[in-house]
Amino acid sequence: MHTGELLMIAAKVAELSGEAIQAEQLYRRAVRYYEKKHGDDSVQAAQVLMELGDFLEKKNRLSEAKECYERMRQILTRHVYESDQTKQS
């Protein structure tokens, strides 16, 4: 396992244990880790953004969750577009 996966597991454990502040910090660290390792628009960062968005939605922090989902959508849309362009070449 690598650091990003460990951060995600730790975030989920903290969330399930009721440690909301720690869980959020770990999710955000995982996003930063993947952005640094794979770039701001990495699929890995998008996956963590989805988890963070779900977490925030459960906490009724809807505007923050929406921001995560929107950023995730932008990243994934870009990857799909780039994939389509590569196939057409």
N, C-alpha and C. Protein backbone atom coordinates (compact mmCIF):
# COMPACT_ATOMS: atom_id res chain seq x y z
N MET A 1 0.84 -1.18 0.00
CA MET A 1 0.00 0.00 0.00
C MET A 1 0.88 1.24 0.00
N HIS A 2 0.39 2.28 -0.63
CA HIS A 2 1.13 3.54 -0.64
C HIS A 2 0.43 4.58 0.22
N THR A 3 1.07 5.72 0.36
CA THR A 3 0.62 6.77 1.28
C THR A 3 -0.82 7.21 1.02
N GLY A 4 -1.18 7.41 -0.24
CA GLY A 4 -2.54 7.85 -0.57
C GLY A 4 -3.60 6.86 -0.10
N GLU A 5 -3.34 5.58 -0.34
CA GLU A 5 -4.29 4.55 0.10
C GLU A 5 -4.39 4.52 1.62
N LEU A 6 -3.25 4.65 2.29
CA LEU A 6 -3.26 4.65 3.76
C LEU A 6 -4.03 5.85 4.30
N LEU A 7 -3.85 7.00 3.69
CA LEU A 7 -4.61 8.18 4.12
C LEU A 7 -6.11 7.97 3.95
N MET A 8 -6.49 7.36 2.84
CA MET A 8 -7.92 7.11 2.59
C MET A 8 -8.50 6.13 3.61
N ILE A 9 -7.77 5.07 3.90
CA ILE A 9 -8.23 4.10 4.89
C ILE A 9 -8.34 4.75 6.26
N ALA A 10 -7.33 5.52 6.62
CA ALA A 10 -7.36 6.20 7.93
C ALA A 10 -8.52 7.19 8.00
N ALA A 11 -8.80 7.89 6.90
CA ALA A 11 -9.93 8.82 6.88
C ALA A 11 -11.25 8.09 7.07
N LYS A 12 -11.40 6.96 6.39
CA LYS A 12 -12.64 6.19 6.50
C LYS A 12 -12.81 5.64 7.92
N VAL A 13 -11.72 5.15 8.51
CA VAL A 13 -11.78 4.64 9.89
C VAL A 13 -12.15 5.77 10.85
N ALA A 14 -11.54 6.93 10.67
CA ALA A 14 -11.87 8.07 11.54
C ALA A 14 -13.33 8.46 11.36
N GLU A 15 -13.79 8.47 10.13
CA GLU A 15 -15.20 8.81 9.87
C GLU A 15 -16.13 7.83 10.56
N LEU A 16 -15.87 6.55 10.40
CA LEU A 16 -16.73 5.53 10.99
C LEU A 16 -16.65 5.52 12.52
N SER A 17 -15.54 6.04 13.06
CA SER A 17 -15.37 6.11 14.51
C SER A 17 -15.94 7.39 15.10
N GLY A 18 -16.52 8.24 14.25
CA GLY A 18 -17.11 9.48 14.74
C GLY A 18 -16.11 10.61 14.92
N GLU A 19 -14.91 10.45 14.41
CA GLU A 19 -13.87 11.47 14.51
C GLU A 19 -13.92 12.36 13.27
N ALA A 20 -14.92 13.22 13.20
CA ALA A 20 -15.19 14.00 11.99
C ALA A 20 -14.05 14.94 11.61
N ILE A 21 -13.49 15.63 12.58
CA ILE A 21 -12.42 16.58 12.28
C ILE A 21 -11.21 15.86 11.71
N GLN A 22 -10.83 14.76 12.36
CA GLN A 22 -9.68 13.99 11.89
C GLN A 22 -9.97 13.40 10.51
N ALA A 23 -11.17 12.89 10.29
CA ALA A 23 -11.52 12.31 8.99
C ALA A 23 -11.39 13.35 7.88
N GLU A 24 -11.93 14.53 8.12
CA GLU A 24 -11.85 15.58 7.09
C GLU A 24 -10.40 15.94 6.80
N GLN A 25 -9.60 16.08 7.85
CA GLN A 25 -8.19 16.41 7.65
C GLN A 25 -7.49 15.34 6.81
N LEU A 26 -7.78 14.09 7.09
CA LEU A 26 -7.16 12.98 6.36
C LEU A 26 -7.61 12.95 4.90
N TYR A 27 -8.91 13.16 4.65
CA TYR A 27 -9.38 13.22 3.27
C TYR A 27 -8.67 14.35 2.51
N ARG A 28 -8.56 15.50 3.15
CA ARG A 28 -7.90 16.64 2.49
C ARG A 28 -6.41 16.38 2.27
N ARG A 29 -5.77 15.72 3.21
CA ARG A 29 -4.36 15.33 3.02
C ARG A 29 -4.22 14.37 1.84
N ALA A 30 -5.17 13.45 1.71
CA ALA A 30 -5.13 12.49 0.60
C ALA A 30 -5.28 13.22 -0.74
N VAL A 31 -6.16 14.20 -0.80
CA VAL A 31 -6.32 14.99 -2.04
C VAL A 31 -4.99 15.66 -2.37
N ARG A 32 -4.39 16.33 -1.38
CA ARG A 32 -3.11 17.03 -1.62
C ARG A 32 -2.01 16.05 -2.03
N TYR A 33 -2.00 14.87 -1.40
CA TYR A 33 -1.00 13.86 -1.74
C TYR A 33 -1.11 13.49 -3.23
N TYR A 34 -2.33 13.17 -3.67
CA TYR A 34 -2.51 12.76 -5.07
C TYR A 34 -2.26 13.92 -6.03
N GLU A 35 -2.61 15.13 -5.64
CA GLU A 35 -2.33 16.28 -6.50
C GLU A 35 -0.83 16.46 -6.67
N LYS A 36 -0.10 16.32 -5.58
CA LYS A 36 1.35 16.48 -5.64
C LYS A 36 1.99 15.35 -6.43
N LYS A 37 1.55 14.15 -6.21
CA LYS A 37 2.16 12.97 -6.85
C LYS A 37 1.76 12.83 -8.31
N HIS A 38 0.48 13.09 -8.64
CA HIS A 38 -0.02 12.82 -10.00
C HIS A 38 -0.51 14.06 -10.73
N GLY A 39 -0.52 15.21 -10.08
CA GLY A 39 -1.00 16.44 -10.71
C GLY A 39 -2.39 16.82 -10.20
N ASP A 40 -2.67 18.12 -10.33
CA ASP A 40 -3.94 18.66 -9.82
C ASP A 40 -5.17 18.00 -10.44
N ASP A 41 -5.04 17.54 -11.67
CA ASP A 41 -6.19 16.96 -12.38
C ASP A 41 -6.13 15.44 -12.44
N SER A 42 -5.55 14.82 -11.45
CA SER A 42 -5.41 13.36 -11.49
C SER A 42 -6.73 12.67 -11.14
N VAL A 43 -6.91 11.52 -11.74
CA VAL A 43 -8.09 10.70 -11.45
C VAL A 43 -8.08 10.30 -9.97
N GLN A 44 -6.91 10.05 -9.43
CA GLN A 44 -6.81 9.67 -8.02
C GLN A 44 -7.34 10.78 -7.11
N ALA A 45 -6.97 12.02 -7.42
CA ALA A 45 -7.47 13.15 -6.63
C ALA A 45 -8.99 13.24 -6.77
N ALA A 46 -9.50 12.99 -7.97
CA ALA A 46 -10.95 13.03 -8.19
C ALA A 46 -11.66 11.99 -7.34
N GLN A 47 -11.08 10.81 -7.22
CA GLN A 47 -11.69 9.76 -6.41
C GLN A 47 -11.79 10.20 -4.95
N VAL A 48 -10.73 10.83 -4.43
CA VAL A 48 -10.75 11.29 -3.05
C VAL A 48 -11.74 12.45 -2.90
N LEU A 49 -11.82 13.31 -3.89
CA LEU A 49 -12.79 14.40 -3.85
C LEU A 49 -14.22 13.87 -3.74
N MET A 50 -14.49 12.75 -4.40
CA MET A 50 -15.81 12.14 -4.29
C MET A 50 -16.06 11.68 -2.84
N GLU A 51 -15.06 11.04 -2.25
CA GLU A 51 -15.20 10.58 -0.86
C GLU A 51 -15.36 11.77 0.09
N LEU A 52 -14.55 12.80 -0.12
CA LEU A 52 -14.65 14.00 0.71
C LEU A 52 -16.01 14.66 0.54
N GLY A 53 -16.49 14.73 -0.69
CA GLY A 53 -17.82 15.28 -0.95
C GLY A 53 -18.91 14.50 -0.24
N ASP A 54 -18.82 13.18 -0.30
CA ASP A 54 -19.80 12.34 0.40
C ASP A 54 -19.76 12.59 1.90
N PHE A 55 -18.55 12.68 2.44
CA PHE A 55 -18.39 12.95 3.87
C PHE A 55 -19.02 14.29 4.25
N LEU A 56 -18.71 15.33 3.47
CA LEU A 56 -19.25 16.66 3.76
C LEU A 56 -20.77 16.70 3.62
N GLU A 57 -21.28 15.96 2.64
CA GLU A 57 -22.74 15.91 2.45
C GLU A 57 -23.41 15.28 3.67
N LYS A 58 -22.80 14.22 4.21
CA LYS A 58 -23.35 13.59 5.41
C LYS A 58 -23.36 14.55 6.60
N LYS A 59 -22.42 15.49 6.60
CA LYS A 59 -22.34 16.48 7.68
C LYS A 59 -23.19 17.71 7.37
N ASN A 60 -23.97 17.63 6.31
CA ASN A 60 -24.87 18.71 5.87
C ASN A 60 -24.11 19.99 5.50
N ARG A 61 -22.89 19.80 5.04
CA ARG A 61 -22.08 20.92 4.55
C ARG A 61 -22.17 20.91 3.03
N LEU A 62 -23.36 21.23 2.58
CA LEU A 62 -23.72 20.99 1.18
C LEU A 62 -22.96 21.85 0.19
N SER A 63 -22.69 23.09 0.50
CA SER A 63 -21.96 23.93 -0.46
C SER A 63 -20.53 23.42 -0.64
N GLU A 64 -19.91 22.97 0.45
CA GLU A 64 -18.56 22.41 0.35
C GLU A 64 -18.56 21.09 -0.41
N ALA A 65 -19.58 20.28 -0.15
CA ALA A 65 -19.71 19.01 -0.87
C ALA A 65 -19.87 19.27 -2.37
N LYS A 66 -20.70 20.26 -2.70
CA LYS A 66 -20.92 20.60 -4.10
C LYS A 66 -19.62 21.02 -4.77
N GLU A 67 -18.79 21.78 -4.07
CA GLU A 67 -17.50 22.19 -4.62
C GLU A 67 -16.63 20.97 -4.94
N CYS A 68 -16.62 20.00 -4.04
CA CYS A 68 -15.85 18.77 -4.27
C CYS A 68 -16.38 18.02 -5.49
N TYR A 69 -17.70 17.86 -5.55
CA TYR A 69 -18.30 17.14 -6.66
C TYR A 69 -18.05 17.86 -7.99
N GLU A 70 -18.12 19.19 -7.98
CA GLU A 70 -17.90 19.96 -9.20
C GLU A 70 -16.45 19.81 -9.68
N ARG A 71 -15.54 19.91 -8.75
CA ARG A 71 -14.12 19.74 -9.12
C ARG A 71 -13.85 18.34 -9.64
N MET A 72 -14.45 17.34 -8.98
CA MET A 72 -14.32 15.96 -9.43
C MET A 72 -14.86 15.81 -10.84
N ARG A 73 -16.03 16.39 -11.11
CA ARG A 73 -16.65 16.30 -12.43
C ARG A 73 -15.76 16.93 -13.49
N GLN A 74 -15.18 18.08 -13.18
CA GLN A 74 -14.30 18.76 -14.13
C GLN A 74 -13.09 17.90 -14.46
N ILE A 75 -12.49 17.31 -13.45
CA ILE A 75 -11.32 16.46 -13.67
C ILE A 75 -11.69 15.27 -14.54
N LEU A 76 -12.77 14.58 -14.19
CA LEU A 76 -13.15 13.38 -14.93
C LEU A 76 -13.59 13.71 -16.35
N THR A 77 -14.29 14.83 -16.52
CA THR A 77 -14.70 15.25 -17.87
C THR A 77 -13.47 15.49 -18.73
N ARG A 78 -12.48 16.15 -18.16
CA ARG A 78 -11.23 16.42 -18.89
C ARG A 78 -10.56 15.11 -19.30
N HIS A 79 -10.53 14.14 -18.40
CA HIS A 79 -9.89 12.86 -18.71
C HIS A 79 -10.66 12.10 -19.80
N VAL A 80 -11.97 12.15 -19.74
CA VAL A 80 -12.78 11.49 -20.77
C VAL A 80 -12.55 12.16 -22.12
N TYR A 81 -12.53 13.49 -22.14
CA TYR A 81 -12.29 14.24 -23.38
C TYR A 81 -10.92 13.89 -23.95
N GLU A 82 -9.89 13.89 -23.09
CA GLU A 82 -8.54 13.57 -23.56
C GLU A 82 -8.48 12.14 -24.08
N SER A 83 -9.17 11.23 -23.41
CA SER A 83 -9.20 9.84 -23.87
C SER A 83 -9.87 9.73 -25.23
N ASP A 84 -10.97 10.45 -25.41
CA ASP A 84 -11.66 10.45 -26.70
C ASP A 84 -10.78 11.02 -27.80
N GLN A 85 -10.03 12.09 -27.47
CA GLN A 85 -9.15 12.70 -28.47
C GLN A 85 -8.03 11.74 -28.87
N THR A 86 -7.51 10.99 -27.90
CA THR A 86 -6.45 10.03 -28.18
C THR A 86 -6.96 8.91 -29.09
N LYS A 87 -8.18 8.45 -28.84
CA LYS A 87 -8.76 7.39 -29.66
C LYS A 87 -9.00 7.84 -31.09
N GLN A 88 -9.32 9.12 -31.28
CA GLN A 88 -9.61 9.64 -32.61
C GLN A 88 -8.34 9.88 -33.42
N SER A 89 -7.19 9.95 -32.74
CA SER A 89 -5.92 10.24 -33.44
C SER A 89 -5.41 9.04 -34.18
